[in-house]
Amino acid sequence: MILGLRTAIYPVPDLAAGKAFYSAVLGVEPYFDEPYYVGYQVGGFELGLLPDETPHADGCEALWGVADADAAYAQLLTLGAKPLVPVKDVGGGIRVADVLDPFGNRFSIIENPHFDPRAVR
């Protein structure tokens, strides 16, 4: 069911400051730059910035790749996960969802038709 790590999401209260910092840290400009999301390609994976969100010391949100978000979400629930955020389309054919694992951890999935495993280094 799980294809591998795809995306790490970092919340930033100030998108312009977040872009400046992460562009300097990563040494690249974002490939996707909209007021609602900024995305960087890093070694074949994505580092995303969500604006107007509250950062926290618990870390970023990791999204695990799946071929079919609906089927994976249903299987996670069958395995004992609790629903958190149902499958939703976030644009460009990309679909995401979140569950809580049986221990209370967020487990996020992403169906991303644009992910290219050949770009992973």
N, C-alpha and C. Protein backbone atom coordinates (compact mmCIF):
# COMPACT_ATOMS: atom_id res chain seq x y z
N MET A 1 0.82 -1.20 0.00
CA MET A 1 0.00 0.00 0.00
C MET A 1 0.87 1.26 0.00
N ILE A 2 1.86 1.34 0.86
CA ILE A 2 2.69 2.53 0.97
C ILE A 2 3.84 2.44 -0.04
N LEU A 3 4.00 3.48 -0.85
CA LEU A 3 5.02 3.48 -1.90
C LEU A 3 6.32 4.13 -1.46
N GLY A 4 6.30 4.89 -0.38
CA GLY A 4 7.50 5.58 0.09
C GLY A 4 7.19 7.01 0.45
N LEU A 5 8.13 7.67 1.09
CA LEU A 5 7.95 9.06 1.48
C LEU A 5 7.87 9.93 0.23
N ARG A 6 7.00 10.93 0.23
CA ARG A 6 6.85 11.81 -0.91
C ARG A 6 7.09 13.28 -0.55
N THR A 7 6.47 13.74 0.56
CA THR A 7 6.43 15.17 0.85
C THR A 7 6.57 15.41 2.34
N ALA A 8 7.29 16.46 2.69
CA ALA A 8 7.34 16.95 4.06
C ALA A 8 6.79 18.37 4.06
N ILE A 9 5.79 18.62 4.90
CA ILE A 9 5.11 19.91 4.95
C ILE A 9 5.56 20.68 6.18
N TYR A 10 5.95 21.93 5.96
CA TYR A 10 6.35 22.82 7.04
C TYR A 10 5.37 24.00 7.10
N PRO A 11 4.74 24.22 8.24
CA PRO A 11 3.86 25.38 8.40
C PRO A 11 4.70 26.64 8.60
N VAL A 12 4.29 27.73 7.97
CA VAL A 12 4.98 29.02 8.14
C VAL A 12 3.94 30.13 8.33
N PRO A 13 4.11 30.96 9.36
CA PRO A 13 3.15 32.04 9.55
C PRO A 13 3.33 33.17 8.53
N ASP A 14 4.53 33.29 7.95
CA ASP A 14 4.84 34.34 6.98
C ASP A 14 5.43 33.65 5.75
N LEU A 15 4.64 33.57 4.68
CA LEU A 15 5.06 32.81 3.50
C LEU A 15 6.29 33.42 2.83
N ALA A 16 6.37 34.73 2.74
CA ALA A 16 7.53 35.37 2.10
C ALA A 16 8.81 35.06 2.88
N ALA A 17 8.75 35.16 4.19
CA ALA A 17 9.92 34.85 5.02
C ALA A 17 10.27 33.37 4.91
N GLY A 18 9.24 32.51 4.86
CA GLY A 18 9.48 31.08 4.71
C GLY A 18 10.16 30.76 3.39
N LYS A 19 9.69 31.40 2.30
CA LYS A 19 10.32 31.18 0.99
C LYS A 19 11.77 31.64 1.00
N ALA A 20 12.03 32.81 1.59
CA ALA A 20 13.40 33.32 1.64
C ALA A 20 14.31 32.35 2.39
N PHE A 21 13.86 31.88 3.54
CA PHE A 21 14.67 30.96 4.35
C PHE A 21 14.91 29.65 3.62
N TYR A 22 13.84 29.00 3.16
CA TYR A 22 14.01 27.69 2.56
C TYR A 22 14.69 27.74 1.20
N SER A 23 14.53 28.83 0.45
CA SER A 23 15.27 28.97 -0.81
C SER A 23 16.77 29.05 -0.52
N ALA A 24 17.14 29.77 0.54
CA ALA A 24 18.56 29.86 0.92
C ALA A 24 19.07 28.52 1.44
N VAL A 25 18.28 27.85 2.29
CA VAL A 25 18.70 26.57 2.86
C VAL A 25 18.87 25.51 1.78
N LEU A 26 17.92 25.45 0.85
CA LEU A 26 17.92 24.39 -0.16
C LEU A 26 18.76 24.74 -1.38
N GLY A 27 19.06 26.03 -1.58
CA GLY A 27 19.84 26.46 -2.73
C GLY A 27 19.08 26.44 -4.04
N VAL A 28 17.75 26.41 -3.98
CA VAL A 28 16.90 26.42 -5.18
C VAL A 28 15.67 27.28 -4.90
N GLU A 29 15.07 27.75 -5.96
CA GLU A 29 13.81 28.47 -5.87
C GLU A 29 12.67 27.45 -5.95
N PRO A 30 11.50 27.80 -5.44
CA PRO A 30 10.38 26.85 -5.51
C PRO A 30 9.96 26.59 -6.95
N TYR A 31 9.55 25.36 -7.23
CA TYR A 31 9.01 25.03 -8.55
C TYR A 31 7.52 25.36 -8.62
N PHE A 32 6.88 25.44 -7.45
CA PHE A 32 5.45 25.75 -7.35
C PHE A 32 5.32 26.85 -6.33
N ASP A 33 4.74 27.99 -6.75
CA ASP A 33 4.70 29.16 -5.87
C ASP A 33 3.35 29.85 -5.99
N GLU A 34 2.47 29.52 -5.08
CA GLU A 34 1.13 30.10 -5.04
C GLU A 34 0.88 30.64 -3.64
N PRO A 35 -0.11 31.53 -3.48
CA PRO A 35 -0.38 32.08 -2.15
C PRO A 35 -0.82 31.03 -1.13
N TYR A 36 -1.30 29.88 -1.60
CA TYR A 36 -1.81 28.86 -0.70
C TYR A 36 -0.83 27.70 -0.47
N TYR A 37 0.29 27.66 -1.23
CA TYR A 37 1.26 26.57 -1.08
C TYR A 37 2.51 26.91 -1.89
N VAL A 38 3.66 26.59 -1.32
CA VAL A 38 4.93 26.74 -2.02
C VAL A 38 5.63 25.39 -1.96
N GLY A 39 6.07 24.89 -3.12
CA GLY A 39 6.71 23.58 -3.17
C GLY A 39 8.09 23.62 -3.78
N TYR A 40 9.00 22.89 -3.17
CA TYR A 40 10.38 22.73 -3.65
C TYR A 40 10.63 21.28 -4.00
N GLN A 41 11.37 21.02 -5.06
CA GLN A 41 11.84 19.68 -5.38
C GLN A 41 13.23 19.52 -4.78
N VAL A 42 13.39 18.53 -3.93
CA VAL A 42 14.66 18.31 -3.24
C VAL A 42 15.02 16.84 -3.35
N GLY A 43 15.96 16.53 -4.20
CA GLY A 43 16.41 15.15 -4.34
C GLY A 43 15.31 14.19 -4.76
N GLY A 44 14.33 14.69 -5.49
CA GLY A 44 13.22 13.86 -5.94
C GLY A 44 12.02 13.88 -5.01
N PHE A 45 12.17 14.53 -3.87
CA PHE A 45 11.07 14.63 -2.92
C PHE A 45 10.60 16.08 -2.85
N GLU A 46 9.53 16.32 -2.13
CA GLU A 46 8.99 17.67 -2.04
C GLU A 46 9.05 18.20 -0.61
N LEU A 47 9.49 19.44 -0.49
CA LEU A 47 9.37 20.17 0.76
C LEU A 47 8.34 21.25 0.48
N GLY A 48 7.24 21.23 1.23
CA GLY A 48 6.16 22.18 1.00
C GLY A 48 6.00 23.13 2.16
N LEU A 49 5.61 24.36 1.85
CA LEU A 49 5.32 25.37 2.85
C LEU A 49 3.84 25.69 2.82
N LEU A 50 3.19 25.61 3.98
CA LEU A 50 1.78 26.00 4.12
C LEU A 50 1.72 27.34 4.83
N PRO A 51 1.15 28.36 4.19
CA PRO A 51 1.10 29.69 4.80
C PRO A 51 0.06 29.79 5.91
N ASP A 52 0.28 30.78 6.77
CA ASP A 52 -0.67 31.12 7.82
C ASP A 52 -0.95 29.96 8.76
N GLU A 53 0.01 29.08 8.93
CA GLU A 53 -0.13 27.95 9.84
C GLU A 53 0.77 28.18 11.04
N THR A 54 0.52 27.48 12.10
CA THR A 54 1.30 27.63 13.32
C THR A 54 2.38 26.56 13.39
N PRO A 55 3.65 26.97 13.34
CA PRO A 55 4.72 26.00 13.50
C PRO A 55 4.71 25.41 14.90
N HIS A 56 5.28 24.22 15.04
CA HIS A 56 5.34 23.58 16.35
C HIS A 56 6.59 22.72 16.42
N ALA A 57 7.05 22.48 17.62
CA ALA A 57 8.28 21.74 17.83
C ALA A 57 8.14 20.25 17.55
N ASP A 58 6.93 19.77 17.32
CA ASP A 58 6.73 18.35 17.05
C ASP A 58 7.20 17.97 15.65
N GLY A 59 7.56 18.96 14.84
CA GLY A 59 8.12 18.67 13.53
C GLY A 59 7.15 18.87 12.39
N CYS A 60 7.63 18.53 11.22
CA CYS A 60 6.85 18.70 10.00
C CYS A 60 5.88 17.53 9.83
N GLU A 61 5.02 17.66 8.84
CA GLU A 61 4.10 16.58 8.49
C GLU A 61 4.67 15.82 7.30
N ALA A 62 4.92 14.54 7.46
CA ALA A 62 5.41 13.69 6.37
C ALA A 62 4.22 13.05 5.68
N LEU A 63 4.22 13.07 4.36
CA LEU A 63 3.15 12.43 3.58
C LEU A 63 3.73 11.23 2.85
N TRP A 64 3.09 10.08 3.04
CA TRP A 64 3.53 8.83 2.45
C TRP A 64 2.76 8.56 1.17
N GLY A 65 3.47 8.22 0.10
CA GLY A 65 2.86 8.01 -1.20
C GLY A 65 2.02 6.75 -1.28
N VAL A 66 0.89 6.88 -1.96
CA VAL A 66 0.01 5.75 -2.24
C VAL A 66 -0.47 5.86 -3.68
N ALA A 67 -0.83 4.74 -4.28
CA ALA A 67 -1.33 4.74 -5.65
C ALA A 67 -2.78 5.19 -5.72
N ASP A 68 -3.56 4.89 -4.70
CA ASP A 68 -4.99 5.19 -4.68
C ASP A 68 -5.36 5.66 -3.27
N ALA A 69 -5.57 6.96 -3.12
CA ALA A 69 -5.83 7.54 -1.80
C ALA A 69 -7.09 6.97 -1.16
N ASP A 70 -8.14 6.78 -1.94
CA ASP A 70 -9.39 6.25 -1.37
C ASP A 70 -9.19 4.85 -0.82
N ALA A 71 -8.54 3.99 -1.59
CA ALA A 71 -8.32 2.61 -1.14
C ALA A 71 -7.39 2.57 0.06
N ALA A 72 -6.33 3.36 0.04
CA ALA A 72 -5.38 3.37 1.16
C ALA A 72 -6.04 3.90 2.43
N TYR A 73 -6.84 4.96 2.30
CA TYR A 73 -7.54 5.53 3.46
C TYR A 73 -8.48 4.48 4.07
N ALA A 74 -9.22 3.80 3.21
CA ALA A 74 -10.14 2.76 3.69
C ALA A 74 -9.37 1.63 4.38
N GLN A 75 -8.24 1.22 3.81
CA GLN A 75 -7.45 0.15 4.41
C GLN A 75 -6.88 0.58 5.76
N LEU A 76 -6.41 1.82 5.86
CA LEU A 76 -5.89 2.32 7.14
C LEU A 76 -6.97 2.26 8.23
N LEU A 77 -8.19 2.64 7.87
CA LEU A 77 -9.29 2.58 8.85
C LEU A 77 -9.59 1.14 9.24
N THR A 78 -9.54 0.24 8.27
CA THR A 78 -9.77 -1.18 8.55
C THR A 78 -8.71 -1.73 9.50
N LEU A 79 -7.50 -1.21 9.39
CA LEU A 79 -6.39 -1.68 10.22
C LEU A 79 -6.38 -1.06 11.62
N GLY A 80 -7.36 -0.19 11.90
CA GLY A 80 -7.45 0.36 13.25
C GLY A 80 -7.15 1.83 13.39
N ALA A 81 -6.81 2.50 12.28
CA ALA A 81 -6.59 3.95 12.34
C ALA A 81 -7.94 4.64 12.52
N LYS A 82 -7.88 5.86 13.05
CA LYS A 82 -9.09 6.67 13.21
C LYS A 82 -9.08 7.80 12.18
N PRO A 83 -10.23 8.11 11.59
CA PRO A 83 -10.27 9.18 10.59
C PRO A 83 -9.90 10.53 11.20
N LEU A 84 -9.13 11.30 10.47
CA LEU A 84 -8.78 12.65 10.89
C LEU A 84 -9.20 13.65 9.82
N VAL A 85 -8.66 13.50 8.61
CA VAL A 85 -9.04 14.34 7.47
C VAL A 85 -9.32 13.41 6.30
N PRO A 86 -10.57 13.38 5.80
CA PRO A 86 -10.87 12.47 4.69
C PRO A 86 -10.13 12.87 3.41
N VAL A 87 -10.10 11.98 2.45
CA VAL A 87 -9.43 12.23 1.18
C VAL A 87 -9.99 13.49 0.55
N LYS A 88 -9.06 14.37 0.14
CA LYS A 88 -9.48 15.61 -0.54
C LYS A 88 -8.50 15.93 -1.65
N ASP A 89 -9.02 16.54 -2.70
CA ASP A 89 -8.22 16.97 -3.84
C ASP A 89 -7.66 18.34 -3.50
N VAL A 90 -6.33 18.48 -3.61
CA VAL A 90 -5.70 19.76 -3.31
C VAL A 90 -5.20 20.46 -4.56
N GLY A 91 -5.59 19.97 -5.74
CA GLY A 91 -5.23 20.58 -7.01
C GLY A 91 -4.23 19.75 -7.79
N GLY A 92 -4.29 19.87 -9.10
CA GLY A 92 -3.34 19.18 -9.96
C GLY A 92 -3.42 17.67 -9.91
N GLY A 93 -4.58 17.13 -9.52
CA GLY A 93 -4.73 15.69 -9.43
C GLY A 93 -4.12 15.09 -8.17
N ILE A 94 -3.66 15.93 -7.27
CA ILE A 94 -3.05 15.47 -6.03
C ILE A 94 -4.12 15.34 -4.97
N ARG A 95 -4.13 14.18 -4.29
CA ARG A 95 -5.14 13.91 -3.27
C ARG A 95 -4.45 13.50 -1.98
N VAL A 96 -4.92 14.04 -0.88
CA VAL A 96 -4.30 13.77 0.42
C VAL A 96 -5.36 13.39 1.45
N ALA A 97 -4.90 12.76 2.53
CA ALA A 97 -5.79 12.40 3.64
C ALA A 97 -4.92 12.16 4.87
N ASP A 98 -5.55 12.22 6.04
CA ASP A 98 -4.85 11.99 7.30
C ASP A 98 -5.69 11.10 8.20
N VAL A 99 -5.00 10.22 8.91
CA VAL A 99 -5.63 9.41 9.94
C VAL A 99 -4.78 9.54 11.21
N LEU A 100 -5.35 9.09 12.31
CA LEU A 100 -4.56 8.91 13.53
C LEU A 100 -4.29 7.42 13.67
N ASP A 101 -3.02 7.07 13.86
CA ASP A 101 -2.72 5.66 14.04
C ASP A 101 -3.28 5.22 15.40
N PRO A 102 -3.26 3.94 15.71
CA PRO A 102 -3.84 3.48 16.97
C PRO A 102 -3.20 4.08 18.22
N PHE A 103 -2.06 4.77 18.03
CA PHE A 103 -1.33 5.34 19.17
C PHE A 103 -1.52 6.85 19.28
N GLY A 104 -2.27 7.43 18.32
CA GLY A 104 -2.54 8.86 18.35
C GLY A 104 -1.64 9.71 17.47
N ASN A 105 -0.78 9.09 16.66
CA ASN A 105 0.07 9.83 15.75
C ASN A 105 -0.65 10.14 14.44
N ARG A 106 -0.40 11.32 13.90
CA ARG A 106 -0.92 11.65 12.56
C ARG A 106 -0.16 10.82 11.54
N PHE A 107 -0.88 10.20 10.61
CA PHE A 107 -0.29 9.47 9.50
C PHE A 107 -0.95 10.02 8.25
N SER A 108 -0.15 10.65 7.39
CA SER A 108 -0.68 11.34 6.21
C SER A 108 -0.29 10.60 4.94
N ILE A 109 -1.23 10.55 4.00
CA ILE A 109 -0.98 9.90 2.71
C ILE A 109 -1.18 10.90 1.59
N ILE A 110 -0.52 10.63 0.45
CA ILE A 110 -0.64 11.49 -0.72
C ILE A 110 -0.63 10.63 -1.98
N GLU A 111 -1.59 10.89 -2.84
CA GLU A 111 -1.64 10.31 -4.18
C GLU A 111 -1.20 11.43 -5.11
N ASN A 112 0.01 11.33 -5.64
CA ASN A 112 0.57 12.41 -6.45
C ASN A 112 1.01 11.88 -7.80
N PRO A 113 0.20 12.13 -8.85
CA PRO A 113 0.54 11.60 -10.17
C PRO A 113 1.79 12.26 -10.77
N HIS A 114 2.28 13.34 -10.16
CA HIS A 114 3.45 14.04 -10.68
C HIS A 114 4.76 13.53 -10.08
N PHE A 115 4.69 12.68 -9.05
CA PHE A 115 5.90 12.18 -8.41
C PHE A 115 6.68 11.31 -9.39
N ASP A 116 7.97 11.58 -9.52
CA ASP A 116 8.83 10.82 -10.44
C ASP A 116 9.90 10.08 -9.65
N PRO A 117 9.74 8.78 -9.43
CA PRO A 117 10.72 8.04 -8.63
C PRO A 117 12.12 8.05 -9.25
N ARG A 118 12.23 8.31 -10.54
CA ARG A 118 13.55 8.37 -11.19
C ARG A 118 14.34 9.60 -10.75
N ALA A 119 13.64 10.61 -10.19
CA ALA A 119 14.31 11.83 -9.75
C ALA A 119 14.91 11.70 -8.35
N VAL A 120 14.62 10.61 -7.66
CA VAL A 120 15.11 10.43 -6.30
C VAL A 120 16.61 10.17 -6.33
N ARG A 121 17.34 10.90 -5.47
CA ARG A 121 18.78 10.67 -5.38
C ARG A 121 19.13 10.17 -4.02
